[in-house]
Every structure is written in C-alpha cells, then in structure tokens.
C-alpha cells in the first residue's frame, strides 16, 4: 500500500495548494508536520500560480491500494 503525506495550504488568491510527500515515516507526529508547514510558510519556499502560500489548511496521510486487473505489455 502506497502512502503519501499531503500538506494542504492556501495561496494568496485563496486557492488550495497540496504538497505531496511520498512514503512518510511511520512515526511522524503532528508537531513535526506543523513545524515543517510553519517553516515552509516562514521561508516562502514555494510560489504557486496563485501566488505565495499564506496559511496552513490541513495535513493528512493518504493511502492507496492498486490492484492490476490486466497487464498488456511486459
């Protein structure tokens, strides 16, 4: 099962921007995630098409299970 840490921010235009981090460590804490999100905002590390990131919205770990029904090329 593939896991992805999704850090969701709001940008200057008020739109949502999601930063996805593949395979986060199992013992990740809320405090660690909050600290990283605060650092991203403080250092203005990302510029989106809607401008700079302005606030934190959410952080979540999403899981995805993929089942191949058929493979047509090897």
PDB file of N, CA and C in Angstrom:
ATOM      1  N   UNK A   1       0.836  -1.175   0.000  1.00  0.00           N
ATOM      2  CA  UNK A   1       0.000   0.000   0.000  1.00  0.00           C
ATOM      3  C   UNK A   1       0.887   1.247   0.000  1.00  0.00           C
ATOM      4  N   UNK A   2       0.624   2.142  -0.901  1.00  0.00           N
ATOM      5  CA  UNK A   2       1.385   3.380  -1.037  1.00  0.00           C
ATOM      6  C   UNK A   2       0.785   4.453  -0.129  1.00  0.00           C
ATOM      7  N   UNK A   3       1.657   5.142   0.612  1.00  0.00           N
ATOM      8  CA  UNK A   3       1.204   6.227   1.484  1.00  0.00           C
ATOM      9  C   UNK A   3       1.837   7.533   1.032  1.00  0.00           C
ATOM     10  N   UNK A   4       1.072   8.611   1.172  1.00  0.00           N
ATOM     11  CA  UNK A   4       1.539   9.940   0.793  1.00  0.00           C
ATOM     12  C   UNK A   4       1.114  10.929   1.874  1.00  0.00           C
ATOM     13  N   UNK A   5       2.068  11.740   2.324  1.00  0.00           N
ATOM     14  CA  UNK A   5       1.754  12.833   3.238  1.00  0.00           C
ATOM     15  C   UNK A   5       1.317  14.018   2.387  1.00  0.00           C
ATOM     16  N   UNK A   6       0.115  14.521   2.639  1.00  0.00           N
ATOM     17  CA  UNK A   6      -0.404  15.659   1.888  1.00  0.00           C
ATOM     18  C   UNK A   6      -0.453  16.876   2.808  1.00  0.00           C
ATOM     19  N   UNK A   7       0.304  17.904   2.446  1.00  0.00           N
ATOM     20  CA  UNK A   7       0.319  19.159   3.189  1.00  0.00           C
ATOM     21  C   UNK A   7      -0.499  20.160   2.379  1.00  0.00           C
ATOM     22  N   UNK A   8      -1.595  20.613   2.952  1.00  0.00           N
ATOM     23  CA  UNK A   8      -2.523  21.474   2.222  1.00  0.00           C
ATOM     24  C   UNK A   8      -2.404  22.910   2.745  1.00  0.00           C
ATOM     25  N   UNK A   9      -2.172  23.834   1.812  1.00  0.00           N
ATOM     26  CA  UNK A   9      -2.020  25.254   2.125  1.00  0.00           C
ATOM     27  C   UNK A   9      -3.035  26.063   1.328  1.00  0.00           C
ATOM     28  N   UNK A  10      -3.217  27.313   1.738  1.00  0.00           N
ATOM     29  CA  UNK A  10      -3.981  28.273   0.947  1.00  0.00           C
ATOM     30  C   UNK A  10      -2.975  29.272   0.373  1.00  0.00           C
ATOM     31  N   UNK A  11      -3.185  29.665  -0.892  1.00  0.00           N
ATOM     32  CA  UNK A  11      -2.260  30.622  -1.505  1.00  0.00           C
ATOM     33  C   UNK A  11      -2.854  32.033  -1.495  1.00  0.00           C
ATOM     34  N   UNK A  12      -2.114  32.987  -2.043  1.00  0.00           N
ATOM     35  CA  UNK A  12      -2.510  34.401  -1.998  1.00  0.00           C
ATOM     36  C   UNK A  12      -3.858  34.665  -2.666  1.00  0.00           C
ATOM     37  N   UNK A  13      -4.231  33.848  -3.642  1.00  0.00           N
ATOM     38  CA  UNK A  13      -5.528  34.006  -4.307  1.00  0.00           C
ATOM     39  C   UNK A  13      -6.647  33.273  -3.588  1.00  0.00           C
ATOM     40  N   UNK A  14      -6.319  32.625  -2.465  1.00  0.00           N
ATOM     41  CA  UNK A  14      -7.335  31.911  -1.697  1.00  0.00           C
ATOM     42  C   UNK A  14      -7.587  30.491  -2.161  1.00  0.00           C
ATOM     43  N   UNK A  15      -6.814  30.036  -3.134  1.00  0.00           N
ATOM     44  CA  UNK A  15      -6.979  28.665  -3.636  1.00  0.00           C
ATOM     45  C   UNK A  15      -6.133  27.693  -2.832  1.00  0.00           C
ATOM     46  N   UNK A  16      -6.549  26.428  -2.841  1.00  0.00           N
ATOM     47  CA  UNK A  16      -5.810  25.389  -2.128  1.00  0.00           C
ATOM     48  C   UNK A  16      -4.645  24.891  -2.968  1.00  0.00           C
ATOM     49  N   UNK A  17      -3.550  24.581  -2.297  1.00  0.00           N
ATOM     50  CA  UNK A  17      -2.358  24.011  -2.922  1.00  0.00           C
ATOM     51  C   UNK A  17      -1.920  22.843  -2.050  1.00  0.00           C
ATOM     52  N   UNK A  18      -1.752  21.671  -2.649  1.00  0.00           N
ATOM     53  CA  UNK A  18      -1.353  20.481  -1.906  1.00  0.00           C
ATOM     54  C   UNK A  18       0.053  20.065  -2.303  1.00  0.00           C
ATOM     55  N   UNK A  19       0.897  19.938  -1.305  1.00  0.00           N
ATOM     56  CA  UNK A  19       2.262  19.450  -1.479  1.00  0.00           C
ATOM     57  C   UNK A  19       2.260  17.995  -1.024  1.00  0.00           C
ATOM     58  N   UNK A  20       2.623  17.067  -1.905  1.00  0.00           N
ATOM     59  CA  UNK A  20       2.598  15.637  -1.594  1.00  0.00           C
ATOM     60  C   UNK A  20       4.007  15.105  -1.371  1.00  0.00           C
ATOM     61  N   UNK A  21       4.182  14.389  -0.273  1.00  0.00           N
ATOM     62  CA  UNK A  21       5.476  13.794   0.082  1.00  0.00           C
ATOM     63  C   UNK A  21       5.281  12.280   0.128  1.00  0.00           C
ATOM     64  N   UNK A  22       5.905  11.533  -0.794  1.00  0.00           N
ATOM     65  CA  UNK A  22       5.710  10.082  -0.823  1.00  0.00           C
ATOM     66  C   UNK A  22       6.388   9.380   0.347  1.00  0.00           C
ATOM     67  N   UNK A  23       5.783   8.290   0.768  1.00  0.00           N
ATOM     68  CA  UNK A  23       6.332   7.395   1.792  1.00  0.00           C
ATOM     69  C   UNK A  23       6.815   8.117   3.055  1.00  0.00           C
ATOM     70  N   UNK A  24       5.923   8.797   3.765  1.00  0.00           N
ATOM     71  CA  UNK A  24       6.334   9.457   5.013  1.00  0.00           C
ATOM     72  C   UNK A  24       6.709   8.416   6.062  1.00  0.00           C
ATOM     73  N   UNK A  25       7.555   8.812   6.996  1.00  0.00           N
ATOM     74  CA  UNK A  25       7.958   7.863   8.035  1.00  0.00           C
ATOM     75  C   UNK A  25       6.758   7.504   8.906  1.00  0.00           C
ATOM     76  N   UNK A  26       6.751   6.295   9.408  1.00  0.00           N
ATOM     77  CA  UNK A  26       5.618   5.761  10.167  1.00  0.00           C
ATOM     78  C   UNK A  26       5.334   6.543  11.445  1.00  0.00           C
ATOM     79  N   UNK A  27       6.386   6.975  12.135  1.00  0.00           N
ATOM     80  CA  UNK A  27       6.216   7.599  13.443  1.00  0.00           C
ATOM     81  C   UNK A  27       6.093   9.123  13.366  1.00  0.00           C
ATOM     82  N   UNK A  28       5.682   9.649  12.239  1.00  0.00           N
ATOM     83  CA  UNK A  28       5.531  11.085  12.041  1.00  0.00           C
ATOM     84  C   UNK A  28       4.491  11.647  13.013  1.00  0.00           C
ATOM     85  N   UNK A  29       4.827  12.772  13.659  1.00  0.00           N
ATOM     86  CA  UNK A  29       3.914  13.362  14.645  1.00  0.00           C
ATOM     87  C   UNK A  29       3.288  14.649  14.112  1.00  0.00           C
ATOM     88  N   UNK A  30       2.197  15.036  14.741  1.00  0.00           N
ATOM     89  CA  UNK A  30       1.528  16.282  14.383  1.00  0.00           C
ATOM     90  C   UNK A  30       2.464  17.475  14.591  1.00  0.00           C
ATOM     91  N   UNK A  31       3.240  17.439  15.666  1.00  0.00           N
ATOM     92  CA  UNK A  31       4.172  18.533  15.961  1.00  0.00           C
ATOM     93  C   UNK A  31       5.226  18.675  14.861  1.00  0.00           C
ATOM     94  N   UNK A  32       5.740  17.559  14.356  1.00  0.00           N
ATOM     95  CA  UNK A  32       6.740  17.600  13.281  1.00  0.00           C
ATOM     96  C   UNK A  32       6.148  18.188  12.002  1.00  0.00           C
ATOM     97  N   UNK A  33       4.942  17.758  11.681  1.00  0.00           N
ATOM     98  CA  UNK A  33       4.284  18.245  10.466  1.00  0.00           C
ATOM     99  C   UNK A  33       3.991  19.741  10.587  1.00  0.00           C
ATOM    100  N   UNK A  34       3.498  20.158  11.740  1.00  0.00           N
ATOM    101  CA  UNK A  34       3.209  21.575  11.967  1.00  0.00           C
ATOM    102  C   UNK A  34       4.471  22.415  11.834  1.00  0.00           C
ATOM    103  N   UNK A  35       5.575  21.934  12.397  1.00  0.00           N
ATOM    104  CA  UNK A  35       6.845  22.665  12.325  1.00  0.00           C
ATOM    105  C   UNK A  35       7.313  22.824  10.880  1.00  0.00           C
ATOM    106  N   UNK A  36       7.189  21.773  10.084  1.00  0.00           N
ATOM    107  CA  UNK A  36       7.607  21.837   8.676  1.00  0.00           C
ATOM    108  C   UNK A  36       6.708  22.792   7.892  1.00  0.00           C
ATOM    109  N   UNK A  37       5.411  22.714   8.132  1.00  0.00           N
ATOM    110  CA  UNK A  37       4.492  23.612   7.426  1.00  0.00           C
ATOM    111  C   UNK A  37       4.761  25.073   7.804  1.00  0.00           C
ATOM    112  N   UNK A  38       5.036  25.327   9.082  1.00  0.00           N
ATOM    113  CA  UNK A  38       5.370  26.683   9.526  1.00  0.00           C
ATOM    114  C   UNK A  38       6.655  27.170   8.858  1.00  0.00           C
ATOM    115  N   UNK A  39       7.640  26.289   8.730  1.00  0.00           N
ATOM    116  CA  UNK A  39       8.904  26.637   8.079  1.00  0.00           C
ATOM    117  C   UNK A  39       8.694  26.969   6.599  1.00  0.00           C
ATOM    118  N   UNK A  40       7.882  26.166   5.928  1.00  0.00           N
ATOM    119  CA  UNK A  40       7.574  26.414   4.515  1.00  0.00           C
ATOM    120  C   UNK A  40       6.955  27.797   4.347  1.00  0.00           C
ATOM    121  N   UNK A  41       6.034  28.153   5.241  1.00  0.00           N
ATOM    122  CA  UNK A  41       5.399  29.474   5.167  1.00  0.00           C
ATOM    123  C   UNK A  41       6.382  30.596   5.511  1.00  0.00           C
ATOM    124  N   UNK A  42       7.160  30.403   6.564  1.00  0.00           N
ATOM    125  CA  UNK A  42       8.084  31.447   7.026  1.00  0.00           C
ATOM    126  C   UNK A  42       9.174  31.750   6.004  1.00  0.00           C
ATOM    127  N   UNK A  43       9.665  30.707   5.335  1.00  0.00           N
ATOM    128  CA  UNK A  43      10.756  30.878   4.365  1.00  0.00           C
ATOM    129  C   UNK A  43      10.250  31.165   2.952  1.00  0.00           C
ATOM    130  N   UNK A  44       8.922  31.139   2.779  1.00  0.00           N
ATOM    131  CA  UNK A  44       8.321  31.410   1.471  1.00  0.00           C
ATOM    132  C   UNK A  44       8.955  30.516   0.403  1.00  0.00           C
ATOM    133  N   UNK A  45       8.960  29.199   0.679  1.00  0.00           N
ATOM    134  CA  UNK A  45       9.689  28.248  -0.160  1.00  0.00           C
ATOM    135  C   UNK A  45       9.030  27.915  -1.497  1.00  0.00           C
ATOM    136  N   UNK A  46       7.714  28.090  -1.606  1.00  0.00           N
ATOM    137  CA  UNK A  46       7.015  27.698  -2.830  1.00  0.00           C
ATOM    138  C   UNK A  46       6.203  28.863  -3.368  1.00  0.00           C
ATOM    139  N   UNK A  47       6.242  29.031  -4.670  1.00  0.00           N
ATOM    140  CA  UNK A  47       5.424  30.027  -5.345  1.00  0.00           C
ATOM    141  C   UNK A  47       4.498  29.273  -6.288  1.00  0.00           C
ATOM    142  N   UNK A  48       3.207  29.456  -6.124  1.00  0.00           N
ATOM    143  CA  UNK A  48       2.229  28.765  -6.955  1.00  0.00           C
ATOM    144  C   UNK A  48       1.712  29.725  -8.025  1.00  0.00           C
ATOM    145  N   UNK A  49       0.922  29.212  -8.938  1.00  0.00           N
ATOM    146  CA  UNK A  49       0.322  30.084  -9.955  1.00  0.00           C
ATOM    147  C   UNK A  49      -0.631  31.091  -9.316  1.00  0.00           C
ATOM    148  N   UNK A  50      -1.082  30.801  -8.101  1.00  0.00           N
ATOM    149  CA  UNK A  50      -1.956  31.711  -7.368  1.00  0.00           C
ATOM    150  C   UNK A  50      -1.204  32.557  -6.364  1.00  0.00           C
ATOM    151  N   UNK A  51       0.116  32.603  -6.478  1.00  0.00           N
ATOM    152  CA  UNK A  51       0.925  33.412  -5.573  1.00  0.00           C
ATOM    153  C   UNK A  51       1.541  32.593  -4.456  1.00  0.00           C
ATOM    154  N   UNK A  52       2.088  33.305  -3.488  1.00  0.00           N
ATOM    155  CA  UNK A  52       2.766  32.656  -2.361  1.00  0.00           C
ATOM    156  C   UNK A  52       1.770  31.910  -1.473  1.00  0.00           C
ATOM    157  N   UNK A  53       2.282  30.928  -0.746  1.00  0.00           N
ATOM    158  CA  UNK A  53       1.457  30.224   0.233  1.00  0.00           C
ATOM    159  C   UNK A  53       1.275  31.137   1.440  1.00  0.00           C
ATOM    160  N   UNK A  54       0.046  31.201   1.948  1.00  0.00           N
ATOM    161  CA  UNK A  54      -0.247  32.156   3.016  1.00  0.00           C
ATOM    162  C   UNK A  54      -0.692  31.527   4.326  1.00  0.00           C
ATOM    163  N   UNK A  55      -1.274  30.312   4.279  1.00  0.00           N
ATOM    164  CA  UNK A  55      -1.742  29.699   5.523  1.00  0.00           C
ATOM    165  C   UNK A  55      -1.841  28.183   5.396  1.00  0.00           C
ATOM    166  N   UNK A  56      -1.819  27.521   6.562  1.00  0.00           N
ATOM    167  CA  UNK A  56      -1.984  26.065   6.623  1.00  0.00           C
ATOM    168  C   UNK A  56      -3.475  25.749   6.617  1.00  0.00           C
ATOM    169  N   UNK A  57      -3.843  24.685   5.924  1.00  0.00           N
ATOM    170  CA  UNK A  57      -5.234  24.241   5.898  1.00  0.00           C
ATOM    171  C   UNK A  57      -5.365  22.871   6.545  1.00  0.00           C
ATOM    172  N   UNK A  58      -4.511  21.925   6.145  1.00  0.00           N
ATOM    173  CA  UNK A  58      -4.630  20.556   6.657  1.00  0.00           C
ATOM    174  C   UNK A  58      -3.355  19.776   6.373  1.00  0.00           C
ATOM    175  N   UNK A  59      -3.199  18.697   7.112  1.00  0.00           N
ATOM    176  CA  UNK A  59      -2.135  17.721   6.854  1.00  0.00           C
ATOM    177  C   UNK A  59      -2.762  16.352   7.042  1.00  0.00           C
ATOM    178  N   UNK A  60      -2.499  15.465   6.107  1.00  0.00           N
ATOM    179  CA  UNK A  60      -3.101  14.132   6.182  1.00  0.00           C
ATOM    180  C   UNK A  60      -2.201  13.120   5.493  1.00  0.00           C
ATOM    181  N   UNK A  61      -2.363  11.872   5.900  1.00  0.00           N
ATOM    182  CA  UNK A  61      -1.673  10.773   5.229  1.00  0.00           C
ATOM    183  C   UNK A  61      -2.729  10.008   4.447  1.00  0.00           C
ATOM    184  N   UNK A  62      -2.534   9.949   3.142  1.00  0.00           N
ATOM    185  CA  UNK A  62      -3.454   9.237   2.267  1.00  0.00           C
ATOM    186  C   UNK A  62      -2.833   7.898   1.889  1.00  0.00           C
ATOM    187  N   UNK A  63      -3.656   6.863   1.870  1.00  0.00           N
ATOM    188  CA  UNK A  63      -3.211   5.522   1.480  1.00  0.00           C
ATOM    189  C   UNK A  63      -3.900   5.138   0.184  1.00  0.00           C
ATOM    190  N   UNK A  64      -3.133   4.448  -0.668  1.00  0.00           N
ATOM    191  CA  UNK A  64      -3.713   3.999  -1.927  1.00  0.00           C
ATOM    192  C   UNK A  64      -3.284   2.566  -2.184  1.00  0.00           C
ATOM    193  N   UNK A  65      -4.246   1.753  -2.489  1.00  0.00           N
ATOM    194  CA  UNK A  65      -4.013   0.360  -2.837  1.00  0.00           C
ATOM    195  C   UNK A  65      -4.302   0.206  -4.327  1.00  0.00           C
ATOM    196  N   UNK A  66      -3.368  -0.342  -5.072  1.00  0.00           N
ATOM    197  CA  UNK A  66      -3.553  -0.533  -6.501  1.00  0.00           C
ATOM    198  C   UNK A  66      -3.645  -2.019  -6.805  1.00  0.00           C
ATOM    199  N   UNK A  67      -4.686  -2.381  -7.550  1.00  0.00           N
ATOM    200  CA  UNK A  67      -4.871  -3.770  -7.965  1.00  0.00           C
ATOM    201  C   UNK A  67      -4.854  -3.795  -9.491  1.00  0.00           C
ATOM    202  N   UNK A  68      -3.869  -4.488 -10.075  1.00  0.00           N
ATOM    203  CA  UNK A  68      -3.799  -4.620 -11.527  1.00  0.00           C
ATOM    204  C   UNK A  68      -4.812  -5.653 -11.990  1.00  0.00           C
ATOM    205  N   UNK A  69      -5.660  -5.261 -12.909  1.00  0.00           N
ATOM    206  CA  UNK A  69      -6.629  -6.193 -13.469  1.00  0.00           C
ATOM    207  C   UNK A  69      -6.042  -6.930 -14.662  1.00  0.00           C
ATOM    208  N   UNK A  70      -5.210  -6.242 -15.422  1.00  0.00           N
ATOM    209  CA  UNK A  70      -4.570  -6.864 -16.575  1.00  0.00           C
ATOM    210  C   UNK A  70      -3.332  -6.057 -16.941  1.00  0.00           C
ATOM    211  N   UNK A  71      -2.305  -6.754 -17.400  1.00  0.00           N
ATOM    212  CA  UNK A  71      -1.096  -6.116 -17.907  1.00  0.00           C
ATOM    213  C   UNK A  71      -0.966  -6.501 -19.371  1.00  0.00           C
ATOM    214  N   UNK A  72      -0.871  -5.515 -20.252  1.00  0.00           N
ATOM    215  CA  UNK A  72      -0.865  -5.791 -21.682  1.00  0.00           C
ATOM    216  C   UNK A  72       0.516  -5.722 -22.309  1.00  0.00           C
ATOM    217  N   UNK A  73       1.483  -5.185 -21.595  1.00  0.00           N
ATOM    218  CA  UNK A  73       2.856  -5.162 -22.083  1.00  0.00           C
ATOM    219  C   UNK A  73       3.773  -5.603 -20.963  1.00  0.00           C
ATOM    220  N   UNK A  74       4.833  -6.264 -21.323  1.00  0.00           N
ATOM    221  CA  UNK A  74       5.799  -6.713 -20.319  1.00  0.00           C
ATOM    222  C   UNK A  74       6.945  -5.760 -20.219  1.00  0.00           C
TER     223      UNK A  74
END
